[in-house]
Structures are given as C-alpha cells and as structure tokens.
N, C-alpha and C. Protein backbone atom coordinates (compact mmCIF):
# COMPACT_ATOMS: atom_id res chain seq x y z
N MET A 1 23.28 40.81 18.99
CA MET A 1 22.36 39.68 18.67
C MET A 1 22.42 38.66 19.59
N GLN A 2 21.24 38.04 20.26
CA GLN A 2 21.10 37.14 21.15
C GLN A 2 21.20 35.82 20.36
N GLN A 3 22.13 34.88 21.12
CA GLN A 3 22.33 33.62 20.35
C GLN A 3 21.34 32.60 21.06
N ASN A 4 20.91 31.65 20.23
CA ASN A 4 19.98 30.63 20.52
C ASN A 4 20.44 29.87 21.61
N SER A 5 19.57 29.46 22.69
CA SER A 5 20.22 28.68 23.76
C SER A 5 19.81 27.26 23.35
N THR A 6 18.90 26.93 22.36
CA THR A 6 18.58 25.75 22.05
C THR A 6 18.63 25.49 20.49
N HIS A 7 18.55 24.14 20.10
CA HIS A 7 18.54 23.79 18.68
C HIS A 7 17.25 23.01 18.48
N TRP A 8 16.80 22.76 17.26
CA TRP A 8 15.90 21.86 16.94
C TRP A 8 16.29 20.86 15.95
N VAL A 9 15.67 19.63 16.14
CA VAL A 9 15.85 18.45 15.08
C VAL A 9 14.66 17.99 14.68
N PHE A 10 14.47 17.76 13.36
CA PHE A 10 13.10 17.24 12.83
C PHE A 10 13.30 15.75 12.68
N GLY A 11 12.43 15.00 13.09
CA GLY A 11 12.51 13.62 12.92
C GLY A 11 11.17 13.10 12.20
N TYR A 12 11.30 12.27 11.12
CA TYR A 12 10.33 11.75 10.31
C TYR A 12 10.13 10.38 10.28
N GLY A 13 11.23 9.53 10.74
CA GLY A 13 11.26 8.03 10.64
C GLY A 13 11.44 7.54 11.95
N SER A 14 12.48 6.90 12.11
CA SER A 14 12.92 6.16 13.25
C SER A 14 13.29 7.21 14.55
N LEU A 15 13.65 8.48 14.22
CA LEU A 15 13.85 9.48 15.13
C LEU A 15 12.70 9.84 15.89
N ILE A 16 11.57 9.46 15.43
CA ILE A 16 10.22 9.83 15.97
C ILE A 16 10.09 9.09 17.34
N TRP A 17 10.31 7.54 17.07
CA TRP A 17 10.10 6.42 18.13
C TRP A 17 11.42 6.19 18.91
N ARG A 18 12.56 6.42 18.26
CA ARG A 18 13.87 6.16 18.94
C ARG A 18 14.89 7.21 18.60
N PRO A 19 14.68 8.30 19.31
CA PRO A 19 15.56 9.44 18.95
C PRO A 19 17.11 9.10 19.46
N GLY A 20 17.36 8.50 20.60
CA GLY A 20 18.82 8.12 21.00
C GLY A 20 19.47 9.31 21.43
N PHE A 21 18.94 10.44 21.70
CA PHE A 21 19.72 11.57 22.21
C PHE A 21 18.75 12.30 23.22
N ALA A 22 19.56 12.95 24.07
CA ALA A 22 18.84 13.86 25.13
C ALA A 22 18.34 15.01 24.50
N PHE A 23 16.94 15.41 24.92
CA PHE A 23 16.17 16.67 24.46
C PHE A 23 15.59 17.31 25.48
N LEU A 24 15.23 18.30 25.63
CA LEU A 24 14.39 19.15 26.46
C LEU A 24 12.94 18.89 26.27
N ARG A 25 12.49 18.75 25.22
CA ARG A 25 11.06 18.53 24.86
C ARG A 25 10.88 18.12 23.33
N GLN A 26 9.76 17.62 23.08
CA GLN A 26 9.47 17.09 21.78
C GLN A 26 8.06 17.56 21.50
N MET A 27 7.77 17.87 20.09
CA MET A 27 6.57 18.45 19.83
C MET A 27 6.34 18.04 18.31
N PRO A 28 5.11 17.83 18.04
CA PRO A 28 4.78 17.52 16.42
C PRO A 28 5.03 18.74 15.94
N ALA A 29 5.56 18.51 14.58
CA ALA A 29 6.00 19.73 13.85
C ALA A 29 5.62 19.32 12.20
N LEU A 30 5.61 20.40 11.44
CA LEU A 30 5.43 20.37 10.11
C LEU A 30 6.59 20.95 9.28
N LEU A 31 7.04 20.14 8.31
CA LEU A 31 8.09 20.70 7.61
C LEU A 31 7.54 20.71 6.01
N ARG A 32 7.39 21.90 5.42
CA ARG A 32 6.86 22.20 4.29
C ARG A 32 8.09 21.91 3.07
N GLY A 33 7.48 21.62 1.86
CA GLY A 33 8.57 21.56 0.81
C GLY A 33 9.19 20.08 0.47
N VAL A 34 8.79 19.14 1.36
CA VAL A 34 9.32 17.73 1.22
C VAL A 34 8.27 16.95 1.67
N HIS A 35 8.50 15.63 1.41
CA HIS A 35 7.47 14.63 1.86
C HIS A 35 8.37 13.41 2.06
N ARG A 36 7.73 12.68 3.26
CA ARG A 36 8.46 11.31 3.54
C ARG A 36 8.02 10.30 2.52
N ARG A 37 9.14 9.38 2.39
CA ARG A 37 8.93 8.30 1.33
C ARG A 37 9.99 7.31 1.66
N LEU A 38 9.63 6.02 1.57
CA LEU A 38 10.75 4.95 1.44
C LEU A 38 11.33 5.10 0.20
N CYS A 39 12.55 5.76 0.24
CA CYS A 39 13.27 6.06 -0.91
C CYS A 39 14.82 5.88 -0.93
N VAL A 40 15.27 5.16 0.20
CA VAL A 40 16.72 5.25 0.46
C VAL A 40 17.01 3.71 0.71
N TYR A 41 17.92 3.05 -0.17
CA TYR A 41 18.34 1.63 0.10
C TYR A 41 19.24 1.82 1.46
N SER A 42 18.96 0.81 2.36
CA SER A 42 19.59 0.78 3.58
C SER A 42 20.86 -0.38 3.44
N TYR A 43 22.02 -0.18 3.66
CA TYR A 43 23.14 -1.14 3.68
C TYR A 43 23.44 -1.19 5.11
N ARG A 44 22.99 -0.53 6.14
CA ARG A 44 23.56 -0.75 7.39
C ARG A 44 22.45 -1.07 8.34
N HIS A 45 21.44 -0.14 8.80
CA HIS A 45 20.41 -0.13 9.80
C HIS A 45 19.47 -1.16 9.37
N ARG A 46 18.97 -1.21 8.31
CA ARG A 46 17.79 -2.04 7.95
C ARG A 46 17.99 -3.04 6.80
N GLY A 47 19.32 -3.13 6.41
CA GLY A 47 19.66 -4.15 5.23
C GLY A 47 21.13 -4.19 5.25
N THR A 48 21.58 -4.81 4.21
CA THR A 48 23.06 -4.86 3.83
C THR A 48 23.30 -4.62 2.52
N GLU A 49 24.47 -4.44 2.04
CA GLU A 49 24.81 -4.37 0.57
C GLU A 49 24.39 -5.44 -0.25
N ALA A 50 24.43 -6.72 0.38
CA ALA A 50 23.98 -7.85 -0.43
C ALA A 50 22.38 -8.04 -0.54
N GLN A 51 21.66 -7.54 0.55
CA GLN A 51 20.35 -7.56 0.63
C GLN A 51 19.77 -6.25 1.38
N PRO A 52 19.78 -5.26 0.58
CA PRO A 52 19.39 -3.74 1.02
C PRO A 52 18.16 -3.74 1.60
N GLY A 53 17.78 -3.07 2.55
CA GLY A 53 16.52 -2.58 3.04
C GLY A 53 16.13 -1.24 2.38
N LEU A 54 14.87 -0.84 3.01
CA LEU A 54 14.55 0.39 2.42
C LEU A 54 14.12 1.30 3.74
N VAL A 55 14.57 2.53 3.77
CA VAL A 55 14.30 3.42 4.78
C VAL A 55 13.84 4.85 4.21
N PHE A 56 13.19 5.64 5.14
CA PHE A 56 12.61 6.81 4.90
C PHE A 56 13.64 7.83 4.53
N GLY A 57 13.15 8.71 3.50
CA GLY A 57 14.00 9.97 3.20
C GLY A 57 12.87 10.97 2.99
N LEU A 58 13.44 12.28 2.90
CA LEU A 58 12.65 13.50 2.69
C LEU A 58 12.81 13.90 1.14
N MET A 59 11.86 13.65 0.41
CA MET A 59 12.05 13.90 -1.08
C MET A 59 11.36 15.49 -1.22
N PRO A 60 11.69 16.04 -2.47
CA PRO A 60 11.16 17.22 -2.74
C PRO A 60 9.50 17.26 -3.08
N GLY A 61 8.97 18.29 -2.57
CA GLY A 61 7.42 18.46 -2.89
C GLY A 61 6.52 18.07 -1.78
N GLY A 62 5.44 18.78 -1.51
CA GLY A 62 4.67 18.51 -0.51
C GLY A 62 4.95 19.00 0.78
N SER A 63 4.61 18.14 1.90
CA SER A 63 4.93 18.49 3.36
C SER A 63 5.00 17.19 4.10
N CYS A 64 5.63 17.40 5.18
CA CYS A 64 5.73 16.20 6.16
C CYS A 64 5.53 16.52 7.57
N ARG A 65 4.74 15.75 8.09
CA ARG A 65 4.41 16.04 9.50
C ARG A 65 5.44 14.84 10.27
N GLY A 66 6.01 15.44 11.42
CA GLY A 66 7.03 14.53 12.23
C GLY A 66 7.09 15.02 13.67
N MET A 67 8.08 14.83 14.22
CA MET A 67 8.41 15.01 15.67
C MET A 67 9.73 16.13 15.54
N ALA A 68 9.60 17.21 16.38
CA ALA A 68 10.58 18.14 16.46
C ALA A 68 11.02 17.95 17.71
N PHE A 69 12.50 17.93 18.18
CA PHE A 69 13.15 17.59 19.27
C PHE A 69 14.01 18.89 19.59
N GLU A 70 13.70 19.57 20.85
CA GLU A 70 14.61 20.71 21.30
C GLU A 70 15.54 20.22 22.07
N VAL A 71 17.11 20.59 21.70
CA VAL A 71 18.07 20.18 22.22
C VAL A 71 18.73 21.44 23.16
N ASP A 72 19.18 21.31 24.18
CA ASP A 72 20.00 22.27 24.72
C ASP A 72 21.25 22.57 24.09
N ASP A 73 21.74 23.90 24.06
CA ASP A 73 22.93 24.42 23.44
C ASP A 73 24.11 23.51 23.95
N ALA A 74 24.10 23.23 25.27
CA ALA A 74 25.19 22.69 26.08
C ALA A 74 25.51 21.22 25.54
N GLU A 75 24.33 20.53 25.05
CA GLU A 75 24.38 19.19 24.54
C GLU A 75 24.45 19.04 23.04
N TRP A 76 24.40 20.31 22.42
CA TRP A 76 24.23 20.28 20.90
C TRP A 76 25.34 19.57 20.18
N ASP A 77 26.68 19.76 20.62
CA ASP A 77 27.72 19.33 19.87
C ASP A 77 27.73 17.71 19.85
N GLY A 78 27.38 17.08 21.18
CA GLY A 78 27.18 15.56 21.19
C GLY A 78 26.17 15.04 20.37
N VAL A 79 25.08 15.77 20.48
CA VAL A 79 23.76 15.29 19.70
C VAL A 79 24.04 15.37 18.27
N HIS A 80 24.74 16.35 17.73
CA HIS A 80 24.98 16.59 16.58
C HIS A 80 25.88 15.42 15.92
N ALA A 81 27.05 15.21 16.73
CA ALA A 81 27.95 14.14 16.33
C ALA A 81 27.14 12.83 16.24
N TYR A 82 26.36 12.54 17.28
CA TYR A 82 25.62 11.40 17.22
C TYR A 82 24.67 11.17 15.93
N LEU A 83 23.95 12.27 15.66
CA LEU A 83 22.98 12.24 14.53
C LEU A 83 23.97 12.26 13.10
N SER A 84 25.02 12.84 13.20
CA SER A 84 25.75 12.61 11.90
C SER A 84 26.25 11.21 11.72
N GLU A 85 26.61 10.55 12.79
CA GLU A 85 27.14 9.32 12.76
C GLU A 85 25.95 8.46 12.32
N ARG A 86 24.76 8.45 12.75
CA ARG A 86 23.53 7.62 12.56
C ARG A 86 23.00 8.09 11.25
N GLU A 87 22.84 9.23 10.89
CA GLU A 87 22.06 9.64 9.59
C GLU A 87 22.97 9.78 8.44
N MET A 88 24.27 10.19 8.65
CA MET A 88 25.03 10.50 7.34
C MET A 88 25.84 9.26 6.99
N ASP A 89 25.60 8.14 7.38
CA ASP A 89 26.25 6.97 6.87
C ASP A 89 26.25 6.85 5.41
N ARG A 90 27.58 6.99 4.89
CA ARG A 90 27.84 6.91 3.34
C ARG A 90 27.27 8.03 2.63
N GLY A 91 26.82 9.08 3.29
CA GLY A 91 26.58 10.34 2.62
C GLY A 91 25.06 10.43 1.85
N VAL A 92 24.28 9.52 2.31
CA VAL A 92 23.07 9.21 1.54
C VAL A 92 22.08 10.23 1.85
N TYR A 93 22.45 10.96 3.08
CA TYR A 93 21.43 12.05 3.33
C TYR A 93 22.14 13.48 3.30
N ARG A 94 21.51 14.54 2.91
CA ARG A 94 22.03 15.87 3.09
C ARG A 94 21.61 16.46 4.38
N GLU A 95 22.57 16.95 5.10
CA GLU A 95 22.11 17.77 6.15
C GLU A 95 21.64 19.22 5.91
N ALA A 96 20.59 19.78 6.21
CA ALA A 96 20.06 21.10 6.07
C ALA A 96 19.34 21.62 7.22
N THR A 97 19.29 23.06 7.19
CA THR A 97 18.64 23.51 8.26
C THR A 97 17.41 24.27 7.56
N ARG A 98 16.20 23.88 7.93
CA ARG A 98 14.91 24.07 7.34
C ARG A 98 14.11 24.71 8.45
N GLN A 99 13.11 25.59 8.16
CA GLN A 99 12.14 26.08 9.20
C GLN A 99 11.06 25.22 9.26
N ILE A 100 10.66 24.90 10.42
CA ILE A 100 9.68 24.00 10.74
C ILE A 100 8.52 24.80 11.68
N GLU A 101 7.23 24.27 11.43
CA GLU A 101 6.29 24.83 12.30
C GLU A 101 5.81 23.80 13.36
N LEU A 102 5.98 24.28 14.50
CA LEU A 102 5.78 23.56 15.65
C LEU A 102 4.28 23.52 15.86
N ALA A 103 3.72 22.45 16.66
CA ALA A 103 2.31 22.26 16.95
C ALA A 103 1.63 23.39 17.75
N ASP A 104 2.59 24.16 18.26
CA ASP A 104 1.98 25.34 18.99
C ASP A 104 1.96 26.63 18.16
N GLY A 105 2.26 26.51 16.87
CA GLY A 105 2.46 27.66 15.89
C GLY A 105 3.66 28.28 15.61
N ASP A 106 4.65 28.07 16.50
CA ASP A 106 6.00 28.69 16.53
C ASP A 106 6.75 28.25 15.26
N LEU A 107 7.35 29.19 14.70
CA LEU A 107 8.42 28.82 13.48
C LEU A 107 9.88 28.80 13.82
N VAL A 108 10.48 27.55 13.85
CA VAL A 108 11.89 27.61 14.36
C VAL A 108 12.69 26.90 13.30
N PRO A 109 14.04 27.31 13.30
CA PRO A 109 15.04 26.60 12.34
C PRO A 109 15.21 25.26 12.98
N SER A 110 15.45 24.29 12.09
CA SER A 110 15.75 22.76 12.58
C SER A 110 16.59 22.05 11.58
N LEU A 111 17.21 21.29 12.24
CA LEU A 111 18.27 20.44 11.51
C LEU A 111 17.29 19.23 10.96
N ALA A 112 17.42 19.03 9.53
CA ALA A 112 16.83 17.93 8.97
C ALA A 112 17.70 17.16 8.12
N PHE A 113 17.42 15.93 7.69
CA PHE A 113 18.29 15.05 6.88
C PHE A 113 17.19 14.79 5.67
N LEU A 114 17.85 15.41 4.42
CA LEU A 114 17.07 15.29 3.14
C LEU A 114 17.89 13.94 2.38
N ALA A 115 16.99 13.29 1.68
CA ALA A 115 17.56 12.23 0.74
C ALA A 115 18.43 12.83 -0.24
N ASP A 116 19.62 12.24 -0.56
CA ASP A 116 20.33 12.86 -1.58
C ASP A 116 20.02 12.46 -2.78
N THR A 117 19.36 12.77 -3.74
CA THR A 117 18.84 12.25 -5.04
C THR A 117 19.83 11.84 -5.94
N ARG A 118 21.04 12.34 -5.71
CA ARG A 118 22.30 11.88 -6.58
C ARG A 118 23.18 10.75 -6.10
N HIS A 119 22.65 10.20 -4.95
CA HIS A 119 23.44 9.09 -4.34
C HIS A 119 23.17 7.93 -4.75
N LEU A 120 24.10 6.92 -4.95
CA LEU A 120 23.99 5.48 -5.32
C LEU A 120 22.72 4.86 -4.52
N GLN A 121 22.58 5.05 -3.13
CA GLN A 121 21.57 4.38 -2.47
C GLN A 121 20.10 5.11 -2.39
N TYR A 122 20.04 6.21 -3.42
CA TYR A 122 18.71 6.78 -3.53
C TYR A 122 17.90 5.88 -4.44
N ALA A 123 16.74 5.34 -3.99
CA ALA A 123 16.02 4.49 -4.76
C ALA A 123 14.77 5.24 -5.53
N GLY A 124 14.65 6.45 -5.28
CA GLY A 124 13.63 7.13 -5.94
C GLY A 124 12.19 6.58 -5.58
N LYS A 125 11.28 6.88 -6.42
CA LYS A 125 9.73 6.55 -6.23
C LYS A 125 9.58 5.16 -6.77
N LEU A 126 9.75 4.13 -6.01
CA LEU A 126 9.51 2.74 -6.33
C LEU A 126 7.93 2.48 -6.36
N ALA A 127 7.34 1.66 -6.82
CA ALA A 127 6.11 0.98 -6.77
C ALA A 127 5.91 0.35 -5.42
N ILE A 128 4.74 0.67 -4.79
CA ILE A 128 4.61 0.03 -3.48
C ILE A 128 4.87 -1.47 -3.53
N ALA A 129 4.40 -2.23 -4.36
CA ALA A 129 4.78 -3.67 -4.40
C ALA A 129 6.40 -3.89 -4.27
N GLU A 130 7.08 -3.17 -5.03
CA GLU A 130 8.53 -3.23 -4.87
C GLU A 130 9.05 -2.74 -3.53
N GLN A 131 8.65 -1.90 -3.06
CA GLN A 131 8.99 -1.30 -1.68
C GLN A 131 8.63 -2.37 -0.76
N VAL A 132 7.54 -3.13 -0.74
CA VAL A 132 7.19 -4.07 0.20
C VAL A 132 8.05 -5.26 0.07
N ARG A 133 8.41 -5.82 -1.20
CA ARG A 133 9.35 -6.83 -1.45
C ARG A 133 10.56 -6.60 -0.66
N ILE A 134 11.35 -5.44 -0.79
CA ILE A 134 12.47 -4.99 -0.31
C ILE A 134 12.48 -4.85 1.21
N VAL A 135 11.53 -4.36 1.85
CA VAL A 135 11.24 -4.19 3.11
C VAL A 135 11.17 -5.55 3.84
N ARG A 136 10.27 -6.38 3.18
CA ARG A 136 10.20 -7.72 3.85
C ARG A 136 11.49 -8.51 3.84
N ALA A 137 12.34 -8.12 3.01
CA ALA A 137 13.59 -9.05 2.97
C ALA A 137 14.77 -8.24 3.78
N GLY A 138 14.59 -7.00 4.24
CA GLY A 138 15.67 -6.42 4.76
C GLY A 138 15.78 -6.63 6.20
N VAL A 139 17.03 -6.85 6.58
CA VAL A 139 17.46 -6.89 8.07
C VAL A 139 18.89 -6.31 8.18
N GLY A 140 19.09 -5.50 9.15
CA GLY A 140 20.45 -4.67 9.44
C GLY A 140 20.86 -4.75 10.77
N GLU A 141 21.72 -4.05 11.19
CA GLU A 141 22.37 -3.79 12.51
C GLU A 141 21.22 -3.41 13.42
N SER A 142 20.31 -2.63 13.01
CA SER A 142 19.30 -1.94 13.82
C SER A 142 18.01 -2.78 13.82
N GLY A 143 18.04 -4.03 13.07
CA GLY A 143 16.68 -4.78 13.25
C GLY A 143 16.23 -5.01 11.92
N ALA A 144 14.92 -5.69 11.87
CA ALA A 144 14.19 -6.00 10.58
C ALA A 144 13.53 -4.80 9.99
N ASN A 145 13.53 -4.82 8.71
CA ASN A 145 13.01 -3.63 8.09
C ASN A 145 11.55 -3.47 8.30
N PRO A 146 10.85 -4.41 8.30
CA PRO A 146 9.28 -4.27 8.44
C PRO A 146 8.97 -3.69 9.79
N GLU A 147 9.88 -4.08 10.81
CA GLU A 147 9.62 -3.49 12.14
C GLU A 147 9.94 -1.85 12.12
N TYR A 148 10.76 -1.46 11.33
CA TYR A 148 11.08 0.01 11.31
C TYR A 148 9.80 0.66 10.61
N VAL A 149 9.38 0.15 9.51
CA VAL A 149 8.31 0.78 8.77
C VAL A 149 6.96 0.65 9.68
N LEU A 150 6.63 -0.42 10.29
CA LEU A 150 5.41 -0.64 11.09
C LEU A 150 5.48 0.32 12.41
N GLU A 151 6.70 0.34 12.95
CA GLU A 151 6.85 1.20 14.21
C GLU A 151 6.63 2.61 13.91
N THR A 152 7.26 3.09 12.80
CA THR A 152 7.21 4.45 12.33
C THR A 152 5.51 4.83 12.21
N ALA A 153 4.86 3.95 11.34
CA ALA A 153 3.48 4.10 11.17
C ALA A 153 2.64 4.09 12.54
N ARG A 154 2.96 3.16 13.41
CA ARG A 154 2.33 3.16 14.61
C ARG A 154 2.54 4.45 15.46
N LYS A 155 3.69 4.90 15.56
CA LYS A 155 3.97 6.17 16.19
C LYS A 155 3.17 7.45 15.68
N LEU A 156 3.25 7.44 14.37
CA LEU A 156 2.45 8.49 13.72
C LEU A 156 0.88 8.41 14.01
N HIS A 157 0.33 7.24 13.97
CA HIS A 157 -0.91 7.18 14.27
C HIS A 157 -1.17 7.55 15.69
N GLU A 158 -0.32 7.08 16.59
CA GLU A 158 -0.36 7.36 18.22
C GLU A 158 -0.32 8.84 18.15
N LEU A 159 0.30 9.54 17.35
CA LEU A 159 0.49 11.04 17.42
C LEU A 159 -0.76 11.77 16.61
N GLY A 160 -1.57 11.04 16.21
CA GLY A 160 -2.59 11.56 15.41
C GLY A 160 -2.18 12.14 14.06
N ILE A 161 -1.15 11.80 13.53
CA ILE A 161 -0.53 12.36 12.32
C ILE A 161 -0.99 11.37 11.16
N SER A 162 -1.50 11.90 10.08
CA SER A 162 -2.15 11.02 9.06
C SER A 162 -1.06 11.11 7.94
N ASP A 163 -0.74 9.82 7.44
CA ASP A 163 0.07 9.64 6.19
C ASP A 163 -0.38 8.69 5.21
N ARG A 164 -1.13 9.20 4.29
CA ARG A 164 -1.89 8.33 3.38
C ARG A 164 -0.82 7.09 2.63
N TYR A 165 0.32 7.73 2.04
CA TYR A 165 1.16 6.95 1.70
C TYR A 165 1.74 6.01 2.45
N LEU A 166 2.06 6.26 3.70
CA LEU A 166 2.57 5.18 4.74
C LEU A 166 1.49 4.27 4.90
N ASP A 167 0.24 4.63 4.98
CA ASP A 167 -0.85 3.62 5.27
C ASP A 167 -1.11 2.63 4.14
N GLU A 168 -0.67 3.16 2.97
CA GLU A 168 -0.62 2.33 1.93
C GLU A 168 0.38 1.21 1.95
N VAL A 169 1.46 1.64 2.26
CA VAL A 169 2.59 0.77 2.35
C VAL A 169 2.31 -0.31 3.50
N VAL A 170 1.88 0.11 4.59
CA VAL A 170 1.55 -0.70 5.77
C VAL A 170 0.52 -1.72 5.28
N ALA A 171 -0.70 -1.29 4.79
CA ALA A 171 -1.71 -2.20 4.22
C ALA A 171 -1.00 -3.17 3.32
N ALA A 172 -0.24 -2.97 2.36
CA ALA A 172 0.47 -3.83 1.45
C ALA A 172 1.31 -4.76 2.35
N LEU A 173 2.08 -4.15 3.10
CA LEU A 173 3.04 -4.98 3.95
C LEU A 173 2.36 -6.24 4.82
N ASN A 174 1.05 -5.72 5.40
CA ASN A 174 0.26 -6.57 6.12
C ASN A 174 -0.73 -7.52 5.23
N GLY A 175 -0.71 -7.30 4.05
CA GLY A 175 -1.52 -8.04 3.07
C GLY A 175 -3.03 -7.64 3.31
N THR A 176 -3.41 -6.48 3.71
CA THR A 176 -4.74 -6.07 3.93
C THR A 176 -5.01 -4.94 3.15
N ASP A 177 -6.60 -4.50 3.17
CA ASP A 177 -6.89 -3.34 2.34
C ASP A 177 -6.96 -2.29 3.43
N VAL A 178 -6.86 -2.55 4.79
CA VAL A 178 -6.86 -1.52 5.76
C VAL A 178 -5.64 -1.58 6.51
N PRO A 179 -4.93 -0.41 6.80
CA PRO A 179 -3.85 -0.46 7.49
C PRO A 179 -3.95 -1.05 8.87
N VAL A 180 -3.00 -1.96 9.22
CA VAL A 180 -3.05 -2.49 10.55
C VAL A 180 -1.64 -2.29 11.24
N VAL A 181 -1.57 -1.30 12.27
CA VAL A 181 -0.47 -0.80 12.91
C VAL A 181 -0.26 -0.97 14.33
N ALA A 182 -1.56 -1.15 15.00
CA ALA A 182 -1.69 -1.33 16.35
C ALA A 182 -0.88 -2.44 17.04
N GLY A 183 -0.69 -3.53 16.44
CA GLY A 183 -0.26 -4.53 17.03
C GLY A 183 1.28 -4.84 16.89
N VAL A 184 1.99 -3.81 16.41
CA VAL A 184 3.39 -3.73 16.27
C VAL A 184 4.10 -4.06 17.67
C-alpha cells in the first residue's frame, strides 16, 4: 500500500486568509455534513474570559465551502503541531479527518476542526443580534473580533464563495441591509 506524500487541511474561518503554515497549494473545497457558524466563545484569539469574542466553528448539518491546503508529508508534523496549538486551545474543537471535495472534483481526506458541542465555550445557535453584540465587544491576542468576521467574509466573497448566513451577520455588524465586505 502506497503512503500519501501529502496531507490536506480544511479552513473555514481565519485559516482561509491567515493559514500561518507552509503549504504546497491551496484550493477551494466543500465539506459536507457540517456548516460554518459563529458558535464558539473565544477566550484567547478574539476575546478574553472577562469579555469573550465569538469565532466560527463547524456545526452538524448542511455543508461548508472553504479552502483546502495541501501540506507536504515532510512538513506535516510541524504543521499539525502548529494547528493543534492554534485551534485546540482549551479543547473547544474536536480534530477530525473528513472527506472534502476539491474544486477540481477530487475527493481527499482532510484534517478539520469541528466545534465540540459539549464544551463550556460552545455558544450554540445564538440570534444574529446577540452574535453581533458579542463580536463588536470582543478583542483578543489575535485582534478585534469584527476584523475576524469581516475578513473571513471578504475572503469568501473574493473566492466567489457564497454564505448567506455570514452575509446576514456582516450586514447586521455593518448596520446595513446589504452586506458590506469590500472595505475591510
């Protein structure tokens, strides 16, 4: 049996626009069975325990379009360690291997980080107004929470990826009826 010489990582939030690791190539991808939602309280990157932010997680149901990153096997241990430190903070995500569909139609196994619905930091399905209230107030070691949401939306639009839920959050965050993401 031939061993894979590369590994794939599925990004659906800040990994799309700030992966922070070396990769061979990136390609839009689809992950079925989960959807992107602001459903995780951030006590580190986009908020603090005293003033949590809100970050994306993958929740059961639907599908999610994002970005897949191909990583050389020789770099995998370092990339995996980096991603574990970045994404597994306080155990709010579960690491999983899921099949993704690349933009070219290929199906490949990929590392994905799913929201742990049993974790204390799991926010669940909050109303848009509550999400916006939390996001506007959140600031953590990686910056302001609104920047995280708006930059993710901007990059998705740049890639031609439509996300009606995120567009609704952005419109509410901007105080408009129409999403405004270009000026981030």
